[in-house]
């Protein structure tokens, strides 16, 4: 589910501020959802747990998929 928070109003305490760092901490398995995220957002192709071709827009979606109980700041 997608929630929008306004700074200072019901804002969560633990927010992921750096999507790139959060993404770098992930280990991808190549499961069907990861492949679908990559293909749908970036027309990317999964290679292995450490690499895939063209990952620019899919990083945030993959972080959301793997860390669903955390809030991510997508302000950028």
PDB file of N, CA and C in Angstrom:
ATOM      1  N   UNK A   1       0.843  -1.170   0.000  1.00  0.00           N
ATOM      2  CA  UNK A   1       0.000   0.000   0.000  1.00  0.00           C
ATOM      3  C   UNK A   1       0.890   1.236   0.000  1.00  0.00           C
ATOM      4  N   UNK A   2       0.472   2.264  -0.685  1.00  0.00           N
ATOM      5  CA  UNK A   2       1.229   3.498  -0.821  1.00  0.00           C
ATOM      6  C   UNK A   2       0.640   4.549   0.107  1.00  0.00           C
ATOM      7  N   UNK A   3       1.479   5.117   0.978  1.00  0.00           N
ATOM      8  CA  UNK A   3       1.046   6.169   1.893  1.00  0.00           C
ATOM      9  C   UNK A   3       1.892   7.410   1.641  1.00  0.00           C
ATOM     10  N   UNK A   4       1.282   8.575   1.713  1.00  0.00           N
ATOM     11  CA  UNK A   4       2.016   9.828   1.606  1.00  0.00           C
ATOM     12  C   UNK A   4       1.989  10.493   2.972  1.00  0.00           C
ATOM     13  N   UNK A   5       3.173  10.834   3.488  1.00  0.00           N
ATOM     14  CA  UNK A   5       3.288  11.490   4.778  1.00  0.00           C
ATOM     15  C   UNK A   5       3.728  12.934   4.555  1.00  0.00           C
ATOM     16  N   UNK A   6       3.221  13.824   5.356  1.00  0.00           N
ATOM     17  CA  UNK A   6       3.622  15.223   5.310  1.00  0.00           C
ATOM     18  C   UNK A   6       4.572  15.462   6.471  1.00  0.00           C
ATOM     19  N   UNK A   7       5.710  16.078   6.190  1.00  0.00           N
ATOM     20  CA  UNK A   7       6.724  16.314   7.213  1.00  0.00           C
ATOM     21  C   UNK A   7       6.114  17.007   8.429  1.00  0.00           C
ATOM     22  N   UNK A   8       6.321  16.429   9.606  1.00  0.00           N
ATOM     23  CA  UNK A   8       5.831  17.002  10.852  1.00  0.00           C
ATOM     24  C   UNK A   8       4.403  16.607  11.204  1.00  0.00           C
ATOM     25  N   UNK A   9       3.706  15.953  10.303  1.00  0.00           N
ATOM     26  CA  UNK A   9       2.330  15.521  10.568  1.00  0.00           C
ATOM     27  C   UNK A   9       2.277  14.009  10.415  1.00  0.00           C
ATOM     28  N   UNK A  10       2.159  13.309  11.520  1.00  0.00           N
ATOM     29  CA  UNK A  10       2.097  11.846  11.498  1.00  0.00           C
ATOM     30  C   UNK A  10       3.257  11.205  10.745  1.00  0.00           C
ATOM     31  N   UNK A  11       4.394  11.828  10.780  1.00  0.00           N
ATOM     32  CA  UNK A  11       5.549  11.284  10.074  1.00  0.00           C
ATOM     33  C   UNK A  11       6.115  10.094  10.843  1.00  0.00           C
ATOM     34  N   UNK A  12       6.488   9.014  10.146  1.00  0.00           N
ATOM     35  CA  UNK A  12       7.093   7.862  10.807  1.00  0.00           C
ATOM     36  C   UNK A  12       8.473   8.212  11.341  1.00  0.00           C
ATOM     37  N   UNK A  13       8.935   7.438  12.314  1.00  0.00           N
ATOM     38  CA  UNK A  13      10.227   7.720  12.939  1.00  0.00           C
ATOM     39  C   UNK A  13      11.404   7.169  12.139  1.00  0.00           C
ATOM     40  N   UNK A  14      11.315   5.953  11.671  1.00  0.00           N
ATOM     41  CA  UNK A  14      12.419   5.333  10.939  1.00  0.00           C
ATOM     42  C   UNK A  14      12.160   5.438   9.441  1.00  0.00           C
ATOM     43  N   UNK A  15      12.838   6.376   8.816  1.00  0.00           N
ATOM     44  CA  UNK A  15      12.639   6.615   7.392  1.00  0.00           C
ATOM     45  C   UNK A  15      13.942   6.332   6.658  1.00  0.00           C
ATOM     46  N   UNK A  16      13.858   5.600   5.568  1.00  0.00           N
ATOM     47  CA  UNK A  16      15.025   5.380   4.713  1.00  0.00           C
ATOM     48  C   UNK A  16      15.199   6.639   3.879  1.00  0.00           C
ATOM     49  N   UNK A  17      16.274   7.351   4.110  1.00  0.00           N
ATOM     50  CA  UNK A  17      16.535   8.606   3.407  1.00  0.00           C
ATOM     51  C   UNK A  17      17.351   8.397   2.132  1.00  0.00           C
ATOM     52  N   UNK A  18      18.162   7.363   2.105  1.00  0.00           N
ATOM     53  CA  UNK A  18      19.060   7.127   0.975  1.00  0.00           C
ATOM     54  C   UNK A  18      18.689   5.806   0.298  1.00  0.00           C
ATOM     55  N   UNK A  19      17.912   5.889  -0.769  1.00  0.00           N
ATOM     56  CA  UNK A  19      17.459   4.693  -1.476  1.00  0.00           C
ATOM     57  C   UNK A  19      18.646   3.929  -2.063  1.00  0.00           C
ATOM     58  N   UNK A  20      19.630   4.640  -2.573  1.00  0.00           N
ATOM     59  CA  UNK A  20      20.796   3.969  -3.166  1.00  0.00           C
ATOM     60  C   UNK A  20      21.541   3.129  -2.143  1.00  0.00           C
ATOM     61  N   UNK A  21      21.707   3.661  -0.933  1.00  0.00           N
ATOM     62  CA  UNK A  21      22.361   2.902   0.128  1.00  0.00           C
ATOM     63  C   UNK A  21      21.519   1.701   0.530  1.00  0.00           C
ATOM     64  N   UNK A  22      20.220   1.899   0.700  1.00  0.00           N
ATOM     65  CA  UNK A  22      19.331   0.792   1.064  1.00  0.00           C
ATOM     66  C   UNK A  22      19.355  -0.282  -0.016  1.00  0.00           C
ATOM     67  N   UNK A  23      19.385   0.144  -1.268  1.00  0.00           N
ATOM     68  CA  UNK A  23      19.454  -0.809  -2.378  1.00  0.00           C
ATOM     69  C   UNK A  23      20.764  -1.590  -2.345  1.00  0.00           C
ATOM     70  N   UNK A  24      21.863  -0.909  -2.058  1.00  0.00           N
ATOM     71  CA  UNK A  24      23.180  -1.560  -2.020  1.00  0.00           C
ATOM     72  C   UNK A  24      23.248  -2.633  -0.941  1.00  0.00           C
ATOM     73  N   UNK A  25      22.417  -2.522   0.083  1.00  0.00           N
ATOM     74  CA  UNK A  25      22.402  -3.498   1.172  1.00  0.00           C
ATOM     75  C   UNK A  25      21.556  -4.728   0.848  1.00  0.00           C
ATOM     76  N   UNK A  26      20.821  -4.704  -0.254  1.00  0.00           N
ATOM     77  CA  UNK A  26      19.967  -5.829  -0.625  1.00  0.00           C
ATOM     78  C   UNK A  26      20.757  -6.927  -1.314  1.00  0.00           C
ATOM     79  N   UNK A  27      20.254  -8.146  -1.204  1.00  0.00           N
ATOM     80  CA  UNK A  27      20.737  -9.259  -2.001  1.00  0.00           C
ATOM     81  C   UNK A  27      19.553  -9.735  -2.824  1.00  0.00           C
ATOM     82  N   UNK A  28      19.661  -9.610  -4.125  1.00  0.00           N
ATOM     83  CA  UNK A  28      18.570 -10.020  -4.994  1.00  0.00           C
ATOM     84  C   UNK A  28      18.667 -11.513  -5.282  1.00  0.00           C
ATOM     85  N   UNK A  29      17.512 -12.149  -5.388  1.00  0.00           N
ATOM     86  CA  UNK A  29      17.480 -13.590  -5.633  1.00  0.00           C
ATOM     87  C   UNK A  29      17.043 -13.931  -7.047  1.00  0.00           C
ATOM     88  N   UNK A  30      16.489 -12.946  -7.748  1.00  0.00           N
ATOM     89  CA  UNK A  30      15.989 -13.213  -9.093  1.00  0.00           C
ATOM     90  C   UNK A  30      14.605 -13.823  -9.094  1.00  0.00           C
ATOM     91  N   UNK A  31      13.886 -13.652  -7.973  1.00  0.00           N
ATOM     92  CA  UNK A  31      12.537 -14.215  -7.920  1.00  0.00           C
ATOM     93  C   UNK A  31      11.635 -13.503  -8.934  1.00  0.00           C
ATOM     94  N   UNK A  32      10.491 -14.090  -9.232  1.00  0.00           N
ATOM     95  CA  UNK A  32       9.621 -13.515 -10.273  1.00  0.00           C
ATOM     96  C   UNK A  32       9.223 -12.056 -10.025  1.00  0.00           C
ATOM     97  N   UNK A  33       9.014 -11.648  -8.777  1.00  0.00           N
ATOM     98  CA  UNK A  33       8.629 -10.271  -8.509  1.00  0.00           C
ATOM     99  C   UNK A  33       9.774  -9.314  -8.809  1.00  0.00           C
ATOM    100  N   UNK A  34      10.997  -9.688  -8.423  1.00  0.00           N
ATOM    101  CA  UNK A  34      12.155  -8.842  -8.752  1.00  0.00           C
ATOM    102  C   UNK A  34      12.278  -8.672 -10.263  1.00  0.00           C
ATOM    103  N   UNK A  35      12.167  -9.768 -10.996  1.00  0.00           N
ATOM    104  CA  UNK A  35      12.276  -9.695 -12.451  1.00  0.00           C
ATOM    105  C   UNK A  35      11.166  -8.834 -13.040  1.00  0.00           C
ATOM    106  N   UNK A  36       9.971  -8.954 -12.502  1.00  0.00           N
ATOM    107  CA  UNK A  36       8.852  -8.158 -13.004  1.00  0.00           C
ATOM    108  C   UNK A  36       9.075  -6.665 -12.735  1.00  0.00           C
ATOM    109  N   UNK A  37       9.570  -6.338 -11.537  1.00  0.00           N
ATOM    110  CA  UNK A  37       9.866  -4.939 -11.205  1.00  0.00           C
ATOM    111  C   UNK A  37      10.894  -4.385 -12.188  1.00  0.00           C
ATOM    112  N   UNK A  38      11.970  -5.118 -12.396  1.00  0.00           N
ATOM    113  CA  UNK A  38      13.031  -4.659 -13.303  1.00  0.00           C
ATOM    114  C   UNK A  38      12.517  -4.479 -14.725  1.00  0.00           C
ATOM    115  N   UNK A  39      11.796  -5.462 -15.215  1.00  0.00           N
ATOM    116  CA  UNK A  39      11.316  -5.410 -16.594  1.00  0.00           C
ATOM    117  C   UNK A  39      10.268  -4.316 -16.792  1.00  0.00           C
ATOM    118  N   UNK A  40       9.380  -4.153 -15.813  1.00  0.00           N
ATOM    119  CA  UNK A  40       8.298  -3.188 -15.950  1.00  0.00           C
ATOM    120  C   UNK A  40       8.802  -1.754 -15.856  1.00  0.00           C
ATOM    121  N   UNK A  41       9.648  -1.472 -14.886  1.00  0.00           N
ATOM    122  CA  UNK A  41      10.082  -0.091 -14.651  1.00  0.00           C
ATOM    123  C   UNK A  41      11.205   0.331 -15.597  1.00  0.00           C
ATOM    124  N   UNK A  42      12.180  -0.492 -15.789  1.00  0.00           N
ATOM    125  CA  UNK A  42      13.360  -0.101 -16.562  1.00  0.00           C
ATOM    126  C   UNK A  42      13.580  -0.904 -17.836  1.00  0.00           C
ATOM    127  N   UNK A  43      12.709  -1.827 -18.129  1.00  0.00           N
ATOM    128  CA  UNK A  43      12.958  -2.749 -19.249  1.00  0.00           C
ATOM    129  C   UNK A  43      14.319  -3.410 -19.056  1.00  0.00           C
ATOM    130  N   UNK A  44      14.617  -3.692 -17.780  1.00  0.00           N
ATOM    131  CA  UNK A  44      15.919  -4.244 -17.401  1.00  0.00           C
ATOM    132  C   UNK A  44      15.881  -5.769 -17.409  1.00  0.00           C
ATOM    133  N   UNK A  45      17.049  -6.370 -17.367  1.00  0.00           N
ATOM    134  CA  UNK A  45      17.164  -7.829 -17.382  1.00  0.00           C
ATOM    135  C   UNK A  45      18.021  -8.278 -16.206  1.00  0.00           C
ATOM    136  N   UNK A  46      17.490  -9.214 -15.410  1.00  0.00           N
ATOM    137  CA  UNK A  46      18.194  -9.778 -14.257  1.00  0.00           C
ATOM    138  C   UNK A  46      19.328 -10.667 -14.751  1.00  0.00           C
ATOM    139  N   UNK A  47      20.518 -10.505 -14.160  1.00  0.00           N
ATOM    140  CA  UNK A  47      21.668 -11.347 -14.521  1.00  0.00           C
ATOM    141  C   UNK A  47      21.936 -12.376 -13.430  1.00  0.00           C
ATOM    142  N   UNK A  48      22.214 -11.872 -12.219  1.00  0.00           N
ATOM    143  CA  UNK A  48      22.437 -12.732 -11.059  1.00  0.00           C
ATOM    144  C   UNK A  48      22.204 -11.899  -9.810  1.00  0.00           C
ATOM    145  N   UNK A  49      22.494 -12.452  -8.632  1.00  0.00           N
ATOM    146  CA  UNK A  49      22.183 -11.759  -7.378  1.00  0.00           C
ATOM    147  C   UNK A  49      22.962 -10.462  -7.194  1.00  0.00           C
ATOM    148  N   UNK A  50      23.989 -10.245  -7.990  1.00  0.00           N
ATOM    149  CA  UNK A  50      24.806  -9.047  -7.853  1.00  0.00           C
ATOM    150  C   UNK A  50      24.678  -8.067  -9.013  1.00  0.00           C
ATOM    151  N   UNK A  51      23.980  -8.450 -10.074  1.00  0.00           N
ATOM    152  CA  UNK A  51      23.939  -7.542 -11.219  1.00  0.00           C
ATOM    153  C   UNK A  51      22.696  -7.728 -12.088  1.00  0.00           C
ATOM    154  N   UNK A  52      22.340  -6.631 -12.715  1.00  0.00           N
ATOM    155  CA  UNK A  52      21.320  -6.651 -13.759  1.00  0.00           C
ATOM    156  C   UNK A  52      21.541  -5.445 -14.640  1.00  0.00           C
ATOM    157  N   UNK A  53      21.072  -5.537 -15.846  1.00  0.00           N
ATOM    158  CA  UNK A  53      21.265  -4.456 -16.809  1.00  0.00           C
ATOM    159  C   UNK A  53      20.228  -3.372 -16.596  1.00  0.00           C
ATOM    160  N   UNK A  54      20.658  -2.103 -16.501  1.00  0.00           N
ATOM    161  CA  UNK A  54      19.812  -0.923 -16.412  1.00  0.00           C
ATOM    162  C   UNK A  54      18.927  -0.931 -15.177  1.00  0.00           C
ATOM    163  N   UNK A  55      19.426  -0.390 -14.086  1.00  0.00           N
ATOM    164  CA  UNK A  55      18.720  -0.456 -12.818  1.00  0.00           C
ATOM    165  C   UNK A  55      18.242   0.893 -12.291  1.00  0.00           C
ATOM    166  N   UNK A  56      18.318   1.946 -13.041  1.00  0.00           N
ATOM    167  CA  UNK A  56      18.104   3.299 -12.522  1.00  0.00           C
ATOM    168  C   UNK A  56      16.778   3.517 -11.802  1.00  0.00           C
ATOM    169  N   UNK A  57      15.654   3.286 -12.405  1.00  0.00           N
ATOM    170  CA  UNK A  57      14.368   3.593 -11.778  1.00  0.00           C
ATOM    171  C   UNK A  57      13.852   2.505 -10.867  1.00  0.00           C
ATOM    172  N   UNK A  58      14.378   1.312 -10.959  1.00  0.00           N
ATOM    173  CA  UNK A  58      13.843   0.176 -10.218  1.00  0.00           C
ATOM    174  C   UNK A  58      14.368   0.069  -8.790  1.00  0.00           C
ATOM    175  N   UNK A  59      15.411   0.797  -8.441  1.00  0.00           N
ATOM    176  CA  UNK A  59      16.007   0.659  -7.108  1.00  0.00           C
ATOM    177  C   UNK A  59      14.994   0.884  -5.994  1.00  0.00           C
ATOM    178  N   UNK A  60      14.244   1.972  -6.059  1.00  0.00           N
ATOM    179  CA  UNK A  60      13.275   2.272  -4.996  1.00  0.00           C
ATOM    180  C   UNK A  60      12.217   1.194  -4.907  1.00  0.00           C
ATOM    181  N   UNK A  61      11.729   0.725  -6.037  1.00  0.00           N
ATOM    182  CA  UNK A  61      10.704  -0.322  -6.029  1.00  0.00           C
ATOM    183  C   UNK A  61      11.234  -1.615  -5.423  1.00  0.00           C
ATOM    184  N   UNK A  62      12.483  -1.949  -5.721  1.00  0.00           N
ATOM    185  CA  UNK A  62      13.071  -3.165  -5.139  1.00  0.00           C
ATOM    186  C   UNK A  62      13.280  -3.006  -3.635  1.00  0.00           C
ATOM    187  N   UNK A  63      13.647  -1.820  -3.177  1.00  0.00           N
ATOM    188  CA  UNK A  63      13.784  -1.572  -1.733  1.00  0.00           C
ATOM    189  C   UNK A  63      12.422  -1.710  -1.060  1.00  0.00           C
ATOM    190  N   UNK A  64      11.394  -1.153  -1.667  1.00  0.00           N
ATOM    191  CA  UNK A  64      10.036  -1.277  -1.111  1.00  0.00           C
ATOM    192  C   UNK A  64       9.627  -2.747  -1.042  1.00  0.00           C
ATOM    193  N   UNK A  65       9.903  -3.496  -2.079  1.00  0.00           N
ATOM    194  CA  UNK A  65       9.555  -4.924  -2.122  1.00  0.00           C
ATOM    195  C   UNK A  65      10.247  -5.708  -1.008  1.00  0.00           C
ATOM    196  N   UNK A  66      11.525  -5.430  -0.787  1.00  0.00           N
ATOM    197  CA  UNK A  66      12.294  -6.184   0.209  1.00  0.00           C
ATOM    198  C   UNK A  66      12.178  -5.637   1.622  1.00  0.00           C
ATOM    199  N   UNK A  67      11.756  -4.391   1.786  1.00  0.00           N
ATOM    200  CA  UNK A  67      11.636  -3.785   3.121  1.00  0.00           C
ATOM    201  C   UNK A  67      10.253  -3.142   3.260  1.00  0.00           C
ATOM    202  N   UNK A  68       9.205  -3.954   3.161  1.00  0.00           N
ATOM    203  CA  UNK A  68       7.834  -3.424   3.098  1.00  0.00           C
ATOM    204  C   UNK A  68       7.351  -2.720   4.358  1.00  0.00           C
ATOM    205  N   UNK A  69       7.972  -2.966   5.482  1.00  0.00           N
ATOM    206  CA  UNK A  69       7.523  -2.364   6.735  1.00  0.00           C
ATOM    207  C   UNK A  69       8.267  -1.083   7.085  1.00  0.00           C
ATOM    208  N   UNK A  70       9.089  -0.609   6.158  1.00  0.00           N
ATOM    209  CA  UNK A  70       9.837   0.624   6.400  1.00  0.00           C
ATOM    210  C   UNK A  70       9.333   1.716   5.465  1.00  0.00           C
ATOM    211  N   UNK A  71       9.560   2.946   5.850  1.00  0.00           N
ATOM    212  CA  UNK A  71       9.134   4.095   5.055  1.00  0.00           C
ATOM    213  C   UNK A  71      10.335   4.624   4.286  1.00  0.00           C
ATOM    214  N   UNK A  72      10.125   4.936   3.025  1.00  0.00           N
ATOM    215  CA  UNK A  72      11.204   5.413   2.181  1.00  0.00           C
ATOM    216  C   UNK A  72      10.905   6.842   1.732  1.00  0.00           C
ATOM    217  N   UNK A  73      11.868   7.715   1.908  1.00  0.00           N
ATOM    218  CA  UNK A  73      11.732   9.098   1.474  1.00  0.00           C
ATOM    219  C   UNK A  73      12.049   9.167  -0.020  1.00  0.00           C
ATOM    220  N   UNK A  74      11.037   9.467  -0.820  1.00  0.00           N
ATOM    221  CA  UNK A  74      11.211   9.565  -2.259  1.00  0.00           C
ATOM    222  C   UNK A  74      11.161  11.020  -2.732  1.00  0.00           C
ATOM    223  N   UNK A  75      11.560  11.906  -1.858  1.00  0.00           N
ATOM    224  CA  UNK A  75      11.483  13.342  -2.097  1.00  0.00           C
ATOM    225  C   UNK A  75      12.235  13.779  -3.345  1.00  0.00           C
ATOM    226  N   UNK A  76      13.318  13.123  -3.657  1.00  0.00           N
ATOM    227  CA  UNK A  76      14.154  13.494  -4.778  1.00  0.00           C
ATOM    228  C   UNK A  76      13.420  13.614  -6.018  1.00  0.00           C
TER     229      UNK A  76
END
